[in-house]
């Protein structure tokens, strides 16, 4: 298990955030934690339906599946992802 540091873009509010996660976490778990933390920081509901939020890897140029673990699909520290 190793820490992965991610830059996360949220085009819906034109902001970028930095997060850390463990390489053994699933994309779905990381997504839920990001949504929760972003909503807390912004003091508003950024994503009305979190189940419909997609995670896109800018580095890998594609969507990430909720059931995949970060380490198994090659997400590395410094990678950029987008929540759409």
N, C-alpha and C. Protein backbone atom coordinates (compact mmCIF):
# COMPACT_ATOMS: atom_id res chain seq x y z
N UNK A 1 0.85 -1.18 0.00
CA UNK A 1 0.00 0.00 0.00
C UNK A 1 0.90 1.24 0.00
N UNK A 2 0.65 2.15 -0.93
CA UNK A 2 1.41 3.39 -0.99
C UNK A 2 0.47 4.55 -1.25
N UNK A 3 0.90 5.72 -0.83
CA UNK A 3 0.10 6.93 -1.04
C UNK A 3 0.23 7.40 -2.47
N UNK A 4 -0.89 7.85 -3.00
CA UNK A 4 -0.95 8.44 -4.33
C UNK A 4 -1.51 9.85 -4.18
N UNK A 5 -0.82 10.82 -4.74
CA UNK A 5 -1.28 12.20 -4.68
C UNK A 5 -1.86 12.58 -6.04
N UNK A 6 -3.11 13.06 -6.03
CA UNK A 6 -3.84 13.33 -7.26
C UNK A 6 -4.25 14.79 -7.35
N UNK A 7 -4.23 15.32 -8.56
CA UNK A 7 -4.79 16.63 -8.84
C UNK A 7 -6.15 16.37 -9.47
N UNK A 8 -7.19 16.93 -8.87
CA UNK A 8 -8.55 16.64 -9.31
C UNK A 8 -9.23 17.90 -9.81
N UNK A 9 -9.65 17.87 -11.06
CA UNK A 9 -10.35 18.99 -11.66
C UNK A 9 -11.86 18.75 -11.59
N UNK A 10 -12.60 19.81 -11.29
CA UNK A 10 -14.06 19.76 -11.27
C UNK A 10 -14.55 20.87 -12.20
N UNK A 11 -14.75 20.55 -13.48
CA UNK A 11 -15.13 21.58 -14.45
C UNK A 11 -16.45 22.27 -14.13
N UNK A 12 -17.35 21.57 -13.45
CA UNK A 12 -18.66 22.15 -13.14
C UNK A 12 -18.58 23.41 -12.29
N UNK A 13 -17.50 23.54 -11.49
CA UNK A 13 -17.32 24.74 -10.68
C UNK A 13 -15.98 25.41 -10.98
N UNK A 14 -15.30 24.94 -12.02
CA UNK A 14 -14.04 25.51 -12.49
C UNK A 14 -12.99 25.60 -11.39
N UNK A 15 -12.82 24.49 -10.65
CA UNK A 15 -11.83 24.47 -9.58
C UNK A 15 -11.01 23.18 -9.65
N UNK A 16 -9.83 23.24 -9.04
CA UNK A 16 -8.92 22.10 -8.96
C UNK A 16 -8.55 21.87 -7.51
N UNK A 17 -8.47 20.61 -7.11
CA UNK A 17 -8.17 20.23 -5.73
C UNK A 17 -7.04 19.20 -5.74
N UNK A 18 -6.38 19.07 -4.59
CA UNK A 18 -5.37 18.05 -4.43
C UNK A 18 -5.85 17.05 -3.37
N UNK A 19 -5.68 15.78 -3.66
CA UNK A 19 -6.10 14.70 -2.77
C UNK A 19 -5.00 13.67 -2.64
N UNK A 20 -5.04 12.93 -1.55
CA UNK A 20 -4.17 11.76 -1.42
C UNK A 20 -5.06 10.56 -1.17
N UNK A 21 -4.61 9.43 -1.68
CA UNK A 21 -5.35 8.17 -1.53
C UNK A 21 -4.34 7.03 -1.45
N UNK A 22 -4.79 5.89 -0.98
CA UNK A 22 -3.95 4.70 -0.96
C UNK A 22 -4.12 3.95 -2.27
N UNK A 23 -3.06 3.34 -2.73
CA UNK A 23 -3.09 2.63 -4.01
C UNK A 23 -4.06 1.45 -4.02
N UNK A 24 -4.45 0.96 -2.84
CA UNK A 24 -5.36 -0.19 -2.77
C UNK A 24 -6.83 0.22 -2.72
N UNK A 25 -7.10 1.53 -2.70
CA UNK A 25 -8.49 2.01 -2.67
C UNK A 25 -9.13 1.87 -4.04
N UNK A 26 -10.43 1.61 -4.04
CA UNK A 26 -11.15 1.55 -5.32
C UNK A 26 -11.45 2.97 -5.80
N UNK A 27 -11.64 3.08 -7.09
CA UNK A 27 -12.00 4.36 -7.69
C UNK A 27 -13.30 4.87 -7.07
N UNK A 28 -14.26 3.99 -6.86
CA UNK A 28 -15.54 4.38 -6.27
C UNK A 28 -15.39 4.96 -4.87
N UNK A 29 -14.54 4.35 -4.05
CA UNK A 29 -14.31 4.85 -2.69
C UNK A 29 -13.65 6.22 -2.74
N UNK A 30 -12.64 6.37 -3.58
CA UNK A 30 -11.94 7.64 -3.72
C UNK A 30 -12.92 8.71 -4.22
N UNK A 31 -13.75 8.36 -5.19
CA UNK A 31 -14.72 9.30 -5.73
C UNK A 31 -15.67 9.79 -4.64
N UNK A 32 -16.20 8.88 -3.84
CA UNK A 32 -17.13 9.27 -2.77
C UNK A 32 -16.45 10.19 -1.76
N UNK A 33 -15.20 9.88 -1.40
CA UNK A 33 -14.48 10.71 -0.45
C UNK A 33 -14.19 12.09 -1.03
N UNK A 34 -13.84 12.15 -2.31
CA UNK A 34 -13.58 13.43 -2.95
C UNK A 34 -14.84 14.29 -2.98
N UNK A 35 -15.95 13.69 -3.35
CA UNK A 35 -17.23 14.42 -3.42
C UNK A 35 -17.58 14.97 -2.05
N UNK A 36 -17.42 14.16 -1.02
CA UNK A 36 -17.73 14.58 0.35
C UNK A 36 -16.84 15.75 0.78
N UNK A 37 -15.54 15.63 0.52
CA UNK A 37 -14.61 16.68 0.93
C UNK A 37 -14.80 17.97 0.13
N UNK A 38 -15.04 17.86 -1.16
CA UNK A 38 -15.26 19.05 -1.99
C UNK A 38 -16.53 19.77 -1.54
N UNK A 39 -17.59 19.01 -1.28
CA UNK A 39 -18.84 19.62 -0.81
C UNK A 39 -18.64 20.33 0.52
N UNK A 40 -17.82 19.75 1.41
CA UNK A 40 -17.55 20.37 2.71
C UNK A 40 -16.74 21.67 2.54
N UNK A 41 -15.73 21.63 1.69
CA UNK A 41 -14.89 22.82 1.47
C UNK A 41 -15.71 23.94 0.82
N UNK A 42 -16.54 23.60 -0.14
CA UNK A 42 -17.33 24.60 -0.87
C UNK A 42 -18.60 24.98 -0.12
N UNK A 43 -18.94 24.24 0.93
CA UNK A 43 -20.13 24.49 1.74
C UNK A 43 -21.40 24.49 0.89
N UNK A 44 -21.43 23.54 -0.06
CA UNK A 44 -22.61 23.38 -0.91
C UNK A 44 -22.56 21.99 -1.55
N UNK A 45 -23.68 21.57 -2.08
CA UNK A 45 -23.74 20.30 -2.79
C UNK A 45 -23.25 20.55 -4.21
N UNK A 46 -22.06 20.04 -4.51
CA UNK A 46 -21.47 20.24 -5.83
C UNK A 46 -22.04 19.24 -6.83
N UNK A 47 -22.28 18.02 -6.38
CA UNK A 47 -22.81 16.96 -7.24
C UNK A 47 -24.14 16.49 -6.67
N UNK A 48 -25.26 16.89 -7.27
CA UNK A 48 -26.57 16.52 -6.74
C UNK A 48 -26.80 15.01 -6.68
N UNK A 49 -26.25 14.27 -7.63
CA UNK A 49 -26.41 12.81 -7.64
C UNK A 49 -25.03 12.16 -7.76
N UNK A 50 -24.36 11.90 -6.63
CA UNK A 50 -23.01 11.36 -6.65
C UNK A 50 -22.88 10.03 -7.41
N UNK A 51 -23.96 9.27 -7.51
CA UNK A 51 -23.91 8.00 -8.23
C UNK A 51 -23.70 8.19 -9.73
N UNK A 52 -24.02 9.37 -10.23
CA UNK A 52 -23.88 9.62 -11.67
C UNK A 52 -22.56 10.31 -12.03
N UNK A 53 -21.72 10.58 -11.02
CA UNK A 53 -20.44 11.25 -11.27
C UNK A 53 -19.48 10.27 -11.91
N UNK A 54 -18.79 10.70 -12.95
CA UNK A 54 -17.80 9.88 -13.63
C UNK A 54 -16.40 10.37 -13.28
N UNK A 55 -15.46 9.43 -13.20
CA UNK A 55 -14.06 9.77 -12.94
C UNK A 55 -13.29 9.52 -14.23
N UNK A 56 -12.66 10.56 -14.71
CA UNK A 56 -11.90 10.48 -15.95
C UNK A 56 -10.43 10.72 -15.65
N UNK A 57 -9.56 9.88 -16.19
CA UNK A 57 -8.12 10.08 -16.04
C UNK A 57 -7.62 10.88 -17.22
N UNK A 58 -7.07 12.05 -16.93
CA UNK A 58 -6.51 12.88 -18.00
C UNK A 58 -5.24 12.23 -18.54
N UNK A 59 -4.44 11.63 -17.65
CA UNK A 59 -3.19 11.00 -18.08
C UNK A 59 -3.44 9.76 -18.94
N UNK A 60 -4.45 8.97 -18.58
CA UNK A 60 -4.74 7.74 -19.33
C UNK A 60 -5.79 7.96 -20.42
N UNK A 61 -6.34 9.16 -20.48
CA UNK A 61 -7.32 9.55 -21.49
C UNK A 61 -8.53 8.62 -21.55
N UNK A 62 -9.14 8.39 -20.38
CA UNK A 62 -10.33 7.55 -20.36
C UNK A 62 -11.03 7.54 -19.03
N UNK A 63 -12.20 6.91 -19.01
CA UNK A 63 -12.98 6.78 -17.78
C UNK A 63 -12.43 5.67 -16.92
N UNK A 64 -12.51 5.85 -15.60
CA UNK A 64 -12.10 4.83 -14.65
C UNK A 64 -13.34 4.17 -14.06
N UNK A 65 -13.29 2.87 -13.91
CA UNK A 65 -14.41 2.11 -13.37
C UNK A 65 -14.37 2.11 -11.85
N UNK A 66 -15.53 2.28 -11.21
CA UNK A 66 -15.62 2.36 -9.75
C UNK A 66 -15.03 1.15 -9.04
N UNK A 67 -15.08 -0.01 -9.64
CA UNK A 67 -14.63 -1.24 -8.97
C UNK A 67 -13.12 -1.47 -9.05
N UNK A 68 -12.43 -0.73 -9.90
CA UNK A 68 -10.98 -0.91 -10.05
C UNK A 68 -10.22 -0.25 -8.90
N UNK A 69 -9.10 -0.84 -8.49
CA UNK A 69 -8.24 -0.19 -7.51
C UNK A 69 -7.25 0.72 -8.23
N UNK A 70 -6.87 1.79 -7.57
CA UNK A 70 -5.99 2.76 -8.20
C UNK A 70 -4.68 2.13 -8.67
N UNK A 71 -4.07 1.33 -7.81
CA UNK A 71 -2.79 0.71 -8.16
C UNK A 71 -2.88 -0.28 -9.30
N UNK A 72 -3.98 -1.02 -9.36
CA UNK A 72 -4.11 -2.07 -10.39
C UNK A 72 -4.29 -1.50 -11.80
N UNK A 73 -4.79 -0.26 -11.90
CA UNK A 73 -5.01 0.32 -13.23
C UNK A 73 -3.92 1.32 -13.61
N UNK A 74 -2.94 1.48 -12.72
CA UNK A 74 -1.79 2.31 -13.06
C UNK A 74 -1.90 3.78 -12.74
N UNK A 75 -2.78 4.13 -11.80
CA UNK A 75 -2.85 5.53 -11.37
C UNK A 75 -1.65 5.79 -10.47
N UNK A 76 -0.92 6.86 -10.77
CA UNK A 76 0.31 7.19 -10.04
C UNK A 76 0.22 8.58 -9.42
N UNK A 77 1.11 8.83 -8.47
CA UNK A 77 1.19 10.17 -7.87
C UNK A 77 1.46 11.20 -8.95
N UNK A 78 0.77 12.31 -8.83
CA UNK A 78 0.92 13.39 -9.80
C UNK A 78 -0.07 13.31 -10.96
N UNK A 79 -0.80 12.20 -11.06
CA UNK A 79 -1.77 12.07 -12.14
C UNK A 79 -2.92 13.08 -11.94
N UNK A 80 -3.52 13.46 -13.06
CA UNK A 80 -4.65 14.37 -13.03
C UNK A 80 -5.91 13.60 -13.37
N UNK A 81 -6.93 13.82 -12.56
CA UNK A 81 -8.23 13.21 -12.85
C UNK A 81 -9.30 14.30 -12.86
N UNK A 82 -10.44 13.96 -13.42
CA UNK A 82 -11.51 14.90 -13.52
C UNK A 82 -12.80 14.23 -13.04
N UNK A 83 -13.58 14.97 -12.25
CA UNK A 83 -14.90 14.50 -11.83
C UNK A 83 -15.93 15.22 -12.67
N UNK A 84 -16.69 14.43 -13.45
CA UNK A 84 -17.70 15.03 -14.34
C UNK A 84 -19.04 14.38 -14.11
